[in-house]
């Protein structure tokens, strides 16, 4: 868990720990709200896609980006 971290930080810290996971283990990834709030959604999607492609030896559950109610409508 990394509150207020962008997808890049979350993915890099997860990569260090995910190597030891087995097929019977799993990883739940819930992040990206900070990136979407800063219009970095393309980068966030790339980091998330990269971690999924690089770690096909375990289950990865991707949770949708939580809604941000503190942003302007635009």
N, C-alpha and C. Protein backbone atom coordinates (compact mmCIF):
# COMPACT_ATOMS: atom_id res chain seq x y z
N UNK A 1 0.85 -1.17 0.00
CA UNK A 1 0.00 0.00 0.00
C UNK A 1 0.90 1.23 0.00
N UNK A 2 0.61 2.12 -0.91
CA UNK A 2 1.38 3.35 -1.05
C UNK A 2 0.45 4.53 -1.28
N UNK A 3 -0.12 5.10 -0.22
CA UNK A 3 -1.02 6.24 -0.41
C UNK A 3 -0.31 7.42 -1.07
N UNK A 4 -1.01 8.10 -1.92
CA UNK A 4 -0.53 9.29 -2.64
C UNK A 4 0.62 9.01 -3.61
N UNK A 5 0.84 7.75 -3.96
CA UNK A 5 1.90 7.41 -4.92
C UNK A 5 1.29 7.27 -6.31
N UNK A 6 2.08 7.62 -7.29
CA UNK A 6 1.65 7.43 -8.67
C UNK A 6 1.86 5.99 -9.10
N UNK A 7 1.36 5.64 -10.26
CA UNK A 7 1.47 4.27 -10.76
C UNK A 7 2.92 3.82 -10.91
N UNK A 8 3.79 4.72 -11.31
CA UNK A 8 5.20 4.38 -11.48
C UNK A 8 5.80 3.87 -10.17
N UNK A 9 5.54 4.55 -9.08
CA UNK A 9 6.07 4.16 -7.78
C UNK A 9 5.46 2.84 -7.32
N UNK A 10 4.17 2.69 -7.53
CA UNK A 10 3.48 1.45 -7.13
C UNK A 10 4.03 0.26 -7.90
N UNK A 11 4.18 0.40 -9.20
CA UNK A 11 4.66 -0.70 -10.04
C UNK A 11 6.11 -1.05 -9.68
N UNK A 12 6.96 -0.05 -9.49
CA UNK A 12 8.36 -0.34 -9.15
C UNK A 12 8.49 -1.03 -7.81
N UNK A 13 7.73 -0.63 -6.83
CA UNK A 13 7.82 -1.29 -5.52
C UNK A 13 7.20 -2.69 -5.58
N UNK A 14 6.19 -2.88 -6.40
CA UNK A 14 5.57 -4.21 -6.54
C UNK A 14 6.49 -5.16 -7.27
N UNK A 15 7.23 -4.67 -8.26
CA UNK A 15 8.13 -5.54 -9.04
C UNK A 15 9.17 -6.20 -8.15
N UNK A 16 9.61 -5.53 -7.11
CA UNK A 16 10.62 -6.08 -6.21
C UNK A 16 10.06 -7.26 -5.42
N UNK A 17 8.77 -7.24 -5.14
CA UNK A 17 8.15 -8.28 -4.31
C UNK A 17 7.43 -9.35 -5.12
N UNK A 18 7.01 -9.03 -6.30
CA UNK A 18 6.18 -9.95 -7.08
C UNK A 18 6.99 -11.12 -7.65
N UNK A 19 8.29 -10.97 -7.76
CA UNK A 19 9.14 -12.02 -8.31
C UNK A 19 9.01 -13.32 -7.51
N UNK A 20 8.82 -13.20 -6.20
CA UNK A 20 8.76 -14.39 -5.35
C UNK A 20 7.38 -15.05 -5.32
N UNK A 21 6.39 -14.44 -5.97
CA UNK A 21 5.06 -15.02 -5.97
C UNK A 21 4.97 -16.23 -6.90
N UNK A 22 4.12 -17.16 -6.55
CA UNK A 22 3.89 -18.36 -7.34
C UNK A 22 2.54 -18.28 -8.03
N UNK A 23 2.24 -19.29 -8.85
CA UNK A 23 0.95 -19.33 -9.55
C UNK A 23 -0.21 -19.40 -8.56
N UNK A 24 0.04 -19.99 -7.38
CA UNK A 24 -1.03 -20.10 -6.38
C UNK A 24 -1.21 -18.80 -5.59
N UNK A 25 -0.31 -17.83 -5.76
CA UNK A 25 -0.43 -16.53 -5.11
C UNK A 25 -1.13 -15.56 -6.04
N UNK A 26 -1.32 -14.37 -5.54
CA UNK A 26 -1.93 -13.36 -6.38
C UNK A 26 -1.58 -11.96 -5.94
N UNK A 27 -1.80 -11.03 -6.81
CA UNK A 27 -1.54 -9.62 -6.55
C UNK A 27 -2.78 -8.84 -6.94
N UNK A 28 -3.24 -7.99 -6.06
CA UNK A 28 -4.36 -7.11 -6.37
C UNK A 28 -3.79 -5.72 -6.59
N UNK A 29 -4.05 -5.16 -7.75
CA UNK A 29 -3.53 -3.84 -8.11
C UNK A 29 -4.68 -2.87 -8.18
N UNK A 30 -4.64 -1.88 -7.31
CA UNK A 30 -5.66 -0.82 -7.30
C UNK A 30 -4.92 0.50 -7.23
N UNK A 31 -4.88 1.21 -8.30
CA UNK A 31 -4.15 2.47 -8.32
C UNK A 31 -4.43 3.23 -9.58
N UNK A 32 -3.82 4.39 -9.68
CA UNK A 32 -3.95 5.20 -10.87
C UNK A 32 -4.76 6.46 -10.70
N UNK A 33 -5.43 6.63 -9.56
CA UNK A 33 -6.27 7.81 -9.38
C UNK A 33 -5.45 9.10 -9.41
N UNK A 34 -4.27 9.09 -8.83
CA UNK A 34 -3.42 10.28 -8.85
C UNK A 34 -2.97 10.60 -10.27
N UNK A 35 -2.65 9.58 -11.05
CA UNK A 35 -2.22 9.80 -12.42
C UNK A 35 -3.36 10.36 -13.28
N UNK A 36 -4.55 9.82 -13.11
CA UNK A 36 -5.69 10.31 -13.88
C UNK A 36 -6.05 11.73 -13.49
N UNK A 37 -5.88 12.05 -12.21
CA UNK A 37 -6.16 13.40 -11.75
C UNK A 37 -5.19 14.42 -12.29
N UNK A 38 -4.01 13.98 -12.71
CA UNK A 38 -2.98 14.87 -13.25
C UNK A 38 -2.83 14.72 -14.77
N UNK A 39 -3.82 14.11 -15.40
CA UNK A 39 -3.81 13.89 -16.86
C UNK A 39 -2.62 13.05 -17.32
N UNK A 40 -2.21 12.09 -16.50
CA UNK A 40 -1.14 11.17 -16.87
C UNK A 40 -1.70 9.77 -17.10
N UNK A 41 -2.91 9.69 -17.60
CA UNK A 41 -3.57 8.39 -17.74
C UNK A 41 -2.85 7.47 -18.72
N UNK A 42 -2.25 8.02 -19.76
CA UNK A 42 -1.53 7.20 -20.73
C UNK A 42 -0.33 6.52 -20.07
N UNK A 43 0.41 7.26 -19.26
CA UNK A 43 1.55 6.69 -18.56
C UNK A 43 1.10 5.65 -17.55
N UNK A 44 0.04 5.93 -16.83
CA UNK A 44 -0.47 4.99 -15.83
C UNK A 44 -0.87 3.68 -16.49
N UNK A 45 -1.54 3.76 -17.61
CA UNK A 45 -1.96 2.56 -18.34
C UNK A 45 -0.76 1.76 -18.83
N UNK A 46 0.28 2.45 -19.28
CA UNK A 46 1.51 1.77 -19.72
C UNK A 46 2.16 1.03 -18.57
N UNK A 47 2.30 1.65 -17.40
CA UNK A 47 2.93 1.00 -16.25
C UNK A 47 2.13 -0.23 -15.81
N UNK A 48 0.83 -0.09 -15.79
CA UNK A 48 -0.03 -1.21 -15.37
C UNK A 48 0.05 -2.35 -16.38
N UNK A 49 0.04 -2.01 -17.67
CA UNK A 49 0.16 -3.03 -18.72
C UNK A 49 1.50 -3.74 -18.64
N UNK A 50 2.56 -2.98 -18.39
CA UNK A 50 3.89 -3.57 -18.30
C UNK A 50 4.01 -4.57 -17.15
N UNK A 51 3.44 -4.26 -15.99
CA UNK A 51 3.53 -5.17 -14.85
C UNK A 51 2.73 -6.45 -15.11
N UNK A 52 1.63 -6.33 -15.81
CA UNK A 52 0.84 -7.51 -16.13
C UNK A 52 1.59 -8.41 -17.12
N UNK A 53 2.18 -7.81 -18.16
CA UNK A 53 2.92 -8.59 -19.15
C UNK A 53 4.16 -9.26 -18.56
N UNK A 54 4.83 -8.57 -17.65
CA UNK A 54 6.09 -9.09 -17.08
C UNK A 54 5.88 -10.15 -16.01
N UNK A 55 4.67 -10.29 -15.51
CA UNK A 55 4.44 -11.20 -14.39
C UNK A 55 3.32 -12.18 -14.68
N UNK A 56 3.52 -13.01 -15.69
CA UNK A 56 2.51 -13.98 -16.04
C UNK A 56 2.65 -15.28 -15.24
N UNK A 57 3.50 -15.28 -14.22
CA UNK A 57 3.69 -16.45 -13.38
C UNK A 57 2.78 -16.44 -12.14
N UNK A 58 1.95 -15.43 -12.01
CA UNK A 58 1.05 -15.34 -10.87
C UNK A 58 -0.25 -14.67 -11.30
N UNK A 59 -1.26 -14.75 -10.47
CA UNK A 59 -2.54 -14.10 -10.77
C UNK A 59 -2.47 -12.63 -10.41
N UNK A 60 -2.98 -11.78 -11.29
CA UNK A 60 -3.05 -10.35 -11.02
C UNK A 60 -4.50 -9.92 -11.18
N UNK A 61 -5.02 -9.33 -10.14
CA UNK A 61 -6.39 -8.80 -10.15
C UNK A 61 -6.27 -7.29 -10.29
N UNK A 62 -6.83 -6.77 -11.35
CA UNK A 62 -6.78 -5.33 -11.61
C UNK A 62 -8.11 -4.71 -11.22
N UNK A 63 -8.06 -3.79 -10.29
CA UNK A 63 -9.25 -3.10 -9.82
C UNK A 63 -9.32 -1.75 -10.54
N UNK A 64 -10.50 -1.35 -10.92
CA UNK A 64 -10.63 -0.08 -11.65
C UNK A 64 -10.14 1.09 -10.82
N UNK A 65 -9.79 2.14 -11.50
CA UNK A 65 -9.31 3.35 -10.84
C UNK A 65 -10.44 3.92 -9.99
N UNK A 66 -10.17 4.19 -8.73
CA UNK A 66 -11.21 4.76 -7.87
C UNK A 66 -11.64 6.14 -8.37
N UNK A 67 -12.91 6.48 -8.23
CA UNK A 67 -13.36 7.80 -8.68
C UNK A 67 -12.76 8.91 -7.82
N UNK A 68 -12.50 10.04 -8.46
CA UNK A 68 -11.97 11.21 -7.76
C UNK A 68 -13.08 12.24 -7.69
N UNK A 69 -13.56 12.51 -6.51
CA UNK A 69 -14.61 13.50 -6.32
C UNK A 69 -14.07 14.87 -5.98
N UNK A 70 -12.76 14.97 -5.84
CA UNK A 70 -12.16 16.25 -5.47
C UNK A 70 -11.68 17.04 -6.70
N UNK A 71 -11.95 16.57 -7.90
CA UNK A 71 -11.50 17.24 -9.11
C UNK A 71 -12.64 18.03 -9.74
N UNK A 72 -12.27 18.99 -10.57
CA UNK A 72 -13.28 19.77 -11.29
C UNK A 72 -13.95 18.88 -12.33
N UNK A 73 -15.14 19.22 -12.76
CA UNK A 73 -15.89 18.43 -13.72
C UNK A 73 -15.16 18.20 -15.02
N UNK A 74 -14.35 19.16 -15.46
CA UNK A 74 -13.66 19.02 -16.74
C UNK A 74 -12.56 18.00 -16.65
